[in-house]
Amino acid sequence: MGTETMRAVRQDEAGGPEVLKLVETERPEPGAGEILVRVHAAGINPTDWKSRERGSFSDGTTPPFILGFDVSGVVEAVGYGVSLFRPGDEVYGMPRFPHPAGAYAEYVTAPTRHFAPKPASLDHVHAAALPLAALTAWQALVDTADVRAGERVLIHAAAGGVGHLAVQIAKARGAHVIGTARAAKHDFLRGLGADELIDYTEQDFAEVVRDADVVLETIGGDYPARSVRTLKPGTGRLVSILPLDGPVPGAQERGIEAGFVLVEPDHHALREIAALVEDGRLRVHVQETYPLEKAADAHVAGETNRTAGKIVLTVA
């Protein structure tokens, strides 16, 4: 069995998009408690091009490696002891994060509970755009911040991959959503339910927003410290999806909870996200698709940071 091969996009060194090469490599086999998934589509995320550029994953893995975490596909085979899925099931997920998942490939293996049934109303391209970004938003807003109905939630980079899903997840929780984005993206965000929008090129959000209950911080730099000023003293929560360089200035003095969330595989949350999709309360926007062999071009497009929503590789 182990001699079967597959196409994959591998990098053998750190560098720009040009280091991504289409190769023929050995197909993985599912271990105990794992499934083998034939990948139909693979989502692209900023963590991918950051890992490519520095030549390492956040867990320390160095090249050669295959990038990618977001997968939608069909179960090809199951390992010993697996009862959750069977061959032919359509699944989606974010396997193995933050360890390499190898999603830019025709096949991946991972523990069963790193996947969930694919939302039936979505094709594989849109399902592959969801897991990492939607799980990040879910774990930040629902699990960590515990956003409740009537609360005011400020979401930075609201039109981005995480942001546009976070807007909808916060709305599904009954929150009043304020987003920062360029003016050209305001109509898109209103269509997703955003209540107030701030063009950060024209206005300083820290001067405009007051008495927010929760801030979802996705940008870094001085944004955490500036965001603290927008939060309600004593009860405000700042959740960052980027590592924080020590305590956030002003947070302790104002009684603000501030923390960093690293997304993790989550079968239960993937089912909750799929339920929101099926209820029509969550839709994922795919800006562009590229075939697997054009992964380098997809990275070039992604690194402009001008994409609304997501970029996806088509595989099968």
Protein backbone atom coordinates (compact mmCIF):
# COMPACT_ATOMS: atom_id res chain seq x y z
CA MET A 1 0.00 0.00 0.00
CA GLY A 2 2.75 2.42 0.98
CA THR A 3 4.05 2.72 -2.58
CA GLU A 4 1.01 4.65 -3.88
CA THR A 5 1.83 8.24 -4.82
CA MET A 6 0.04 11.58 -5.01
CA ARG A 7 0.60 15.10 -6.29
CA ALA A 8 1.48 17.73 -3.71
CA VAL A 9 2.97 21.21 -3.48
CA ARG A 10 6.16 21.03 -1.42
CA GLN A 11 8.83 23.51 -0.42
CA ASP A 12 12.41 22.48 0.25
CA GLU A 13 13.68 25.84 1.55
CA ALA A 14 12.48 29.14 2.99
CA GLY A 15 11.63 31.92 0.58
CA GLY A 16 9.08 33.61 -1.67
CA PRO A 17 6.20 31.96 -3.53
CA GLU A 18 8.65 30.55 -6.09
CA VAL A 19 9.85 27.91 -3.59
CA LEU A 20 6.46 26.12 -3.88
CA LYS A 21 6.92 23.22 -6.31
CA LEU A 22 4.50 20.59 -7.60
CA VAL A 23 5.94 17.14 -6.82
CA GLU A 24 4.97 13.47 -6.85
CA THR A 25 5.30 12.06 -3.35
CA GLU A 26 4.23 9.08 -1.29
CA ARG A 27 0.57 8.93 -0.33
CA PRO A 28 0.03 8.79 3.45
CA GLU A 29 -1.80 5.89 5.11
CA PRO A 30 -4.24 6.36 8.01
CA GLY A 31 -3.02 5.17 11.40
CA ALA A 32 -5.17 3.99 14.29
CA GLY A 33 -8.00 6.46 14.92
CA GLU A 34 -7.25 8.30 11.66
CA ILE A 35 -8.92 8.76 8.28
CA LEU A 36 -7.42 9.20 4.82
CA VAL A 37 -9.17 12.04 3.00
CA ARG A 38 -9.03 12.64 -0.74
CA VAL A 39 -8.67 16.43 -0.86
CA HIS A 40 -11.07 18.21 -3.24
CA ALA A 41 -10.12 21.74 -2.14
CA ALA A 42 -7.64 23.36 0.25
CA GLY A 43 -8.07 26.81 1.79
CA ILE A 44 -5.17 29.26 2.01
CA ASN A 45 -4.45 31.28 5.16
CA PRO A 46 -1.89 33.91 6.21
CA THR A 47 -0.18 31.31 8.43
CA ASP A 48 0.70 29.45 5.19
CA TRP A 49 2.71 32.25 3.59
CA LYS A 50 4.29 33.19 6.93
CA SER A 51 5.50 29.58 7.37
CA ARG A 52 6.74 29.50 3.77
CA GLU A 53 8.67 32.77 4.15
CA ARG A 54 10.45 31.84 7.39
CA GLY A 55 10.86 28.17 6.43
CA SER A 56 9.25 26.76 9.55
CA PHE A 57 5.91 25.98 11.14
CA SER A 58 5.10 27.44 14.55
CA ASP A 59 5.82 24.00 16.05
CA GLY A 60 9.41 24.21 14.72
CA THR A 61 9.05 21.87 11.72
CA THR A 62 11.50 22.81 8.94
CA PRO A 63 11.54 21.99 5.17
CA PRO A 64 10.95 19.91 3.22
CA PHE A 65 7.25 20.22 4.04
CA ILE A 66 3.80 20.59 2.52
CA LEU A 67 1.81 23.65 3.58
CA GLY A 68 -1.92 23.97 4.21
CA PHE A 69 -4.44 23.28 6.98
CA ASP A 70 -7.90 23.79 5.46
CA VAL A 71 -9.36 20.70 3.83
CA SER A 72 -12.63 19.66 2.24
CA GLY A 73 -12.83 16.24 0.67
CA VAL A 74 -14.08 12.67 0.76
CA VAL A 75 -13.03 9.89 3.12
CA GLU A 76 -11.00 7.36 1.10
CA ALA A 77 -10.07 4.92 3.87
CA VAL A 78 -10.28 4.62 7.66
CA GLY A 79 -7.72 3.41 10.15
CA TYR A 80 -8.01 0.89 12.96
CA GLY A 81 -10.85 1.57 15.39
CA VAL A 82 -12.57 4.33 13.40
CA SER A 83 -16.38 4.36 13.62
CA LEU A 84 -17.16 8.09 13.20
CA PHE A 85 -16.70 8.13 9.41
CA ARG A 86 -16.69 5.62 6.58
CA PRO A 87 -15.35 5.73 3.01
CA GLY A 88 -17.42 8.03 0.82
CA ASP A 89 -18.31 10.51 3.59
CA GLU A 90 -17.81 14.18 2.74
CA VAL A 91 -15.81 15.94 5.46
CA TYR A 92 -14.14 19.25 6.18
CA GLY A 93 -11.67 20.31 8.83
CA MET A 94 -8.38 21.83 9.99
CA PRO A 95 -6.28 18.75 10.72
CA ARG A 96 -3.24 18.65 13.00
CA PHE A 97 -2.86 22.44 13.52
CA PRO A 98 -0.32 23.83 14.50
CA HIS A 99 1.63 20.76 13.31
CA PRO A 100 1.91 20.22 9.54
CA ALA A 101 -1.25 18.85 7.93
CA GLY A 102 -0.02 18.85 4.33
CA ALA A 103 -3.28 20.11 2.82
CA TYR A 104 -1.74 21.29 -0.47
CA ALA A 105 -1.93 17.68 -1.69
CA GLU A 106 -4.30 15.11 -3.13
CA TYR A 107 -4.56 13.21 0.18
CA VAL A 108 -4.21 13.94 3.90
CA THR A 109 -4.51 11.82 7.02
CA ALA A 110 -5.50 12.99 10.50
CA PRO A 111 -7.39 11.93 13.62
CA THR A 112 -11.12 11.56 12.90
CA ARG A 113 -12.15 14.33 15.26
CA HIS A 114 -10.07 16.90 13.42
CA PHE A 115 -12.86 16.67 10.81
CA ALA A 116 -16.66 16.98 10.78
CA PRO A 117 -19.32 16.31 8.16
CA LYS A 118 -19.10 18.90 5.38
CA PRO A 119 -22.05 21.34 5.34
CA ALA A 120 -24.36 19.75 2.78
CA SER A 121 -25.28 23.08 1.17
CA LEU A 122 -21.66 23.97 0.37
CA ASP A 123 -19.44 22.75 -2.45
CA HIS A 124 -15.92 21.63 -1.51
CA VAL A 125 -14.38 24.99 -2.49
CA HIS A 126 -16.54 26.94 -0.03
CA ALA A 127 -16.26 24.26 2.67
CA ALA A 128 -12.44 24.36 2.37
CA ALA A 129 -12.50 28.12 2.93
CA LEU A 130 -14.12 27.75 6.34
CA PRO A 131 -12.25 25.66 8.95
CA LEU A 132 -9.24 27.67 10.13
CA ALA A 133 -10.85 31.10 9.82
CA ALA A 134 -14.24 30.05 11.22
CA LEU A 135 -12.72 28.04 14.08
CA THR A 136 -10.48 31.01 14.93
CA ALA A 137 -13.50 33.33 15.08
CA TRP A 138 -15.60 30.77 16.99
CA GLN A 139 -12.95 29.95 19.59
CA ALA A 140 -12.18 33.66 20.10
CA LEU A 141 -15.75 35.00 20.28
CA VAL A 142 -17.75 32.07 21.65
CA ASP A 143 -15.36 29.96 23.74
CA THR A 144 -13.06 32.72 25.02
CA ALA A 145 -15.01 36.01 25.02
CA ASP A 146 -18.42 34.34 25.54
CA VAL A 147 -20.14 37.04 23.45
CA ARG A 148 -23.75 37.51 24.54
CA ALA A 149 -26.85 39.08 23.02
CA GLY A 150 -26.81 42.89 23.12
CA GLU A 151 -23.04 43.19 23.59
CA ARG A 152 -21.01 45.55 21.40
CA VAL A 153 -18.24 43.73 19.51
CA LEU A 154 -15.46 45.51 17.59
CA ILE A 155 -13.89 43.37 14.85
CA HIS A 156 -10.67 44.51 13.17
CA ALA A 157 -10.00 43.70 9.49
CA ALA A 158 -13.67 42.78 9.32
CA ALA A 159 -13.59 41.93 5.59
CA GLY A 160 -10.69 39.49 5.89
CA GLY A 161 -10.81 35.72 6.11
CA VAL A 162 -11.36 35.57 9.88
CA GLY A 163 -13.07 38.95 10.08
CA HIS A 164 -15.97 38.36 7.68
CA LEU A 165 -16.86 35.11 9.47
CA ALA A 166 -16.43 36.71 12.91
CA VAL A 167 -18.94 39.43 11.95
CA GLN A 168 -21.55 36.77 11.21
CA ILE A 169 -20.77 34.60 14.25
CA ALA A 170 -21.08 37.65 16.53
CA LYS A 171 -24.39 38.56 14.85
CA ALA A 172 -25.63 35.00 15.31
CA ARG A 173 -24.94 35.48 19.06
CA GLY A 174 -27.12 38.62 19.03
CA ALA A 175 -24.29 41.14 19.25
CA HIS A 176 -24.07 44.69 17.85
CA VAL A 177 -21.10 44.50 15.47
CA ILE A 178 -18.68 47.31 14.64
CA GLY A 179 -16.07 46.57 11.96
CA THR A 180 -12.94 48.27 10.69
CA ALA A 181 -12.34 48.03 6.93
CA ARG A 182 -11.61 50.18 3.89
CA ALA A 183 -14.65 52.02 2.55
CA ALA A 184 -14.71 49.87 -0.60
CA LYS A 185 -15.60 46.85 1.55
CA HIS A 186 -18.37 48.46 3.60
CA ASP A 187 -21.23 47.33 1.35
CA PHE A 188 -19.91 43.74 1.47
CA LEU A 189 -19.85 43.89 5.29
CA ARG A 190 -23.30 45.46 5.58
CA GLY A 191 -24.54 42.52 3.56
CA LEU A 192 -23.11 40.22 6.23
CA GLY A 193 -24.93 42.10 9.00
CA ALA A 194 -22.33 44.58 10.33
CA ASP A 195 -24.10 47.40 12.23
CA GLU A 196 -21.39 50.08 12.15
CA LEU A 197 -18.31 50.41 9.94
CA ILE A 198 -15.18 52.50 10.34
CA ASP A 199 -12.84 53.27 7.44
CA TYR A 200 -9.52 53.03 9.30
CA THR A 201 -7.81 55.09 6.57
CA GLU A 202 -10.08 58.06 7.38
CA GLN A 203 -10.90 57.66 11.08
CA ASP A 204 -9.07 56.49 14.19
CA PHE A 205 -11.25 53.72 15.61
CA ALA A 206 -9.83 54.41 19.08
CA GLU A 207 -11.35 57.91 18.96
CA VAL A 208 -14.71 56.75 17.56
CA VAL A 209 -15.60 53.55 19.45
CA ARG A 210 -16.59 53.64 23.12
CA ASP A 211 -18.04 51.11 25.57
CA ALA A 212 -17.32 48.02 23.48
CA ASP A 213 -17.70 44.75 25.37
CA VAL A 214 -15.36 42.70 23.18
CA VAL A 215 -12.60 43.46 20.66
CA LEU A 216 -11.40 40.80 18.21
CA GLU A 217 -7.82 41.87 17.40
CA THR A 218 -6.38 40.51 14.15
CA ILE A 219 -3.73 43.05 13.14
CA GLY A 220 -1.01 43.40 15.80
CA GLY A 221 1.39 46.31 16.25
CA ASP A 222 -0.19 49.09 18.34
CA TYR A 223 -3.74 47.81 17.73
CA PRO A 224 -4.10 45.93 21.06
CA ALA A 225 -3.10 48.99 23.12
CA ARG A 226 -5.34 51.31 21.09
CA SER A 227 -8.22 48.84 21.27
CA VAL A 228 -8.12 48.83 25.09
CA ARG A 229 -9.34 52.44 25.01
CA THR A 230 -12.54 51.36 23.23
CA LEU A 231 -13.54 48.77 25.86
CA LYS A 232 -15.78 49.09 28.91
CA PRO A 233 -13.63 49.36 32.03
CA GLY A 234 -13.96 46.39 34.34
CA THR A 235 -15.83 44.07 31.98
CA GLY A 236 -14.26 44.54 28.54
CA ARG A 237 -12.48 41.61 26.85
CA LEU A 238 -9.74 41.88 24.24
CA VAL A 239 -9.09 38.66 22.34
CA SER A 240 -6.12 38.61 19.97
CA ILE A 241 -5.54 35.93 17.34
CA LEU A 242 -1.90 37.07 17.11
CA PRO A 243 0.65 36.52 19.89
CA LEU A 244 0.85 39.46 22.30
CA ASP A 245 4.24 40.93 23.24
CA GLY A 246 3.67 40.81 26.98
CA PRO A 247 0.89 42.61 28.87
CA VAL A 248 -1.23 44.99 26.76
CA PRO A 249 -0.58 48.60 27.87
CA GLY A 250 -3.56 50.05 29.73
CA ALA A 251 -5.43 46.75 30.09
CA GLN A 252 -4.69 46.08 33.76
CA GLU A 253 -5.39 49.68 34.79
CA ARG A 254 -8.80 49.55 33.11
CA GLY A 255 -9.65 46.08 34.37
CA ILE A 256 -9.66 44.66 30.83
CA GLU A 257 -9.10 40.97 30.22
CA ALA A 258 -6.64 40.59 27.33
CA GLY A 259 -5.36 37.34 25.88
CA PHE A 260 -4.13 35.46 22.83
CA VAL A 261 -6.00 32.52 21.33
CA LEU A 262 -4.25 29.90 19.19
CA VAL A 263 -6.86 28.04 17.17
CA GLU A 264 -7.04 24.26 17.57
CA PRO A 265 -8.82 21.39 15.79
CA ASP A 266 -12.37 21.12 17.14
CA HIS A 267 -14.94 18.58 15.89
CA HIS A 268 -17.76 20.02 18.00
CA ALA A 269 -17.21 23.62 16.83
CA LEU A 270 -17.01 22.48 13.20
CA ARG A 271 -20.47 20.94 13.66
CA GLU A 272 -21.75 24.20 15.22
CA ILE A 273 -20.29 26.18 12.31
CA ALA A 274 -21.89 23.81 9.80
CA ALA A 275 -25.25 24.28 11.57
CA LEU A 276 -24.95 28.08 11.17
CA VAL A 277 -24.19 27.57 7.47
CA GLU A 278 -27.22 25.31 7.02
CA ASP A 279 -29.43 27.85 8.88
CA GLY A 280 -28.33 30.54 6.42
CA ARG A 281 -26.65 32.55 9.20
CA LEU A 282 -23.06 32.05 8.04
CA ARG A 283 -21.71 32.32 4.52
CA VAL A 284 -18.10 32.21 3.47
CA HIS A 285 -16.87 34.48 0.68
CA VAL A 286 -14.35 32.97 -1.74
CA GLN A 287 -12.55 35.72 -3.66
CA GLU A 288 -10.55 33.49 -6.01
CA THR A 289 -9.66 29.87 -6.71
CA TYR A 290 -6.44 28.48 -8.18
CA PRO A 291 -5.57 24.93 -9.26
CA LEU A 292 -3.12 23.09 -6.97
CA GLU A 293 -0.20 23.61 -9.35
CA LYS A 294 -0.73 27.40 -9.16
CA ALA A 295 -0.26 27.56 -5.37
CA ALA A 296 2.55 30.09 -5.82
CA ASP A 297 0.21 32.46 -7.68
CA ALA A 298 -2.37 32.02 -4.92
CA HIS A 299 0.24 33.08 -2.35
CA VAL A 300 1.13 36.16 -4.38
CA ALA A 301 -2.56 37.16 -4.39
CA GLY A 302 -3.00 36.44 -0.68
CA GLU A 303 0.04 38.40 0.41
CA THR A 304 -1.41 41.64 -0.96
CA ASN A 305 -3.74 41.57 2.11
CA ARG A 306 -6.43 43.09 -0.10
CA THR A 307 -8.57 39.97 -0.41
CA ALA A 308 -12.15 40.00 0.83
CA GLY A 309 -12.82 36.59 2.31
CA LYS A 310 -10.72 33.64 1.21
CA ILE A 311 -8.54 32.13 -1.55
CA VAL A 312 -8.87 28.39 -2.23
CA LEU A 313 -6.87 25.77 -4.15
CA THR A 314 -8.87 23.27 -6.21
CA VAL A 315 -7.32 19.81 -5.97
CA ALA A 316 -9.48 16.83 -7.03
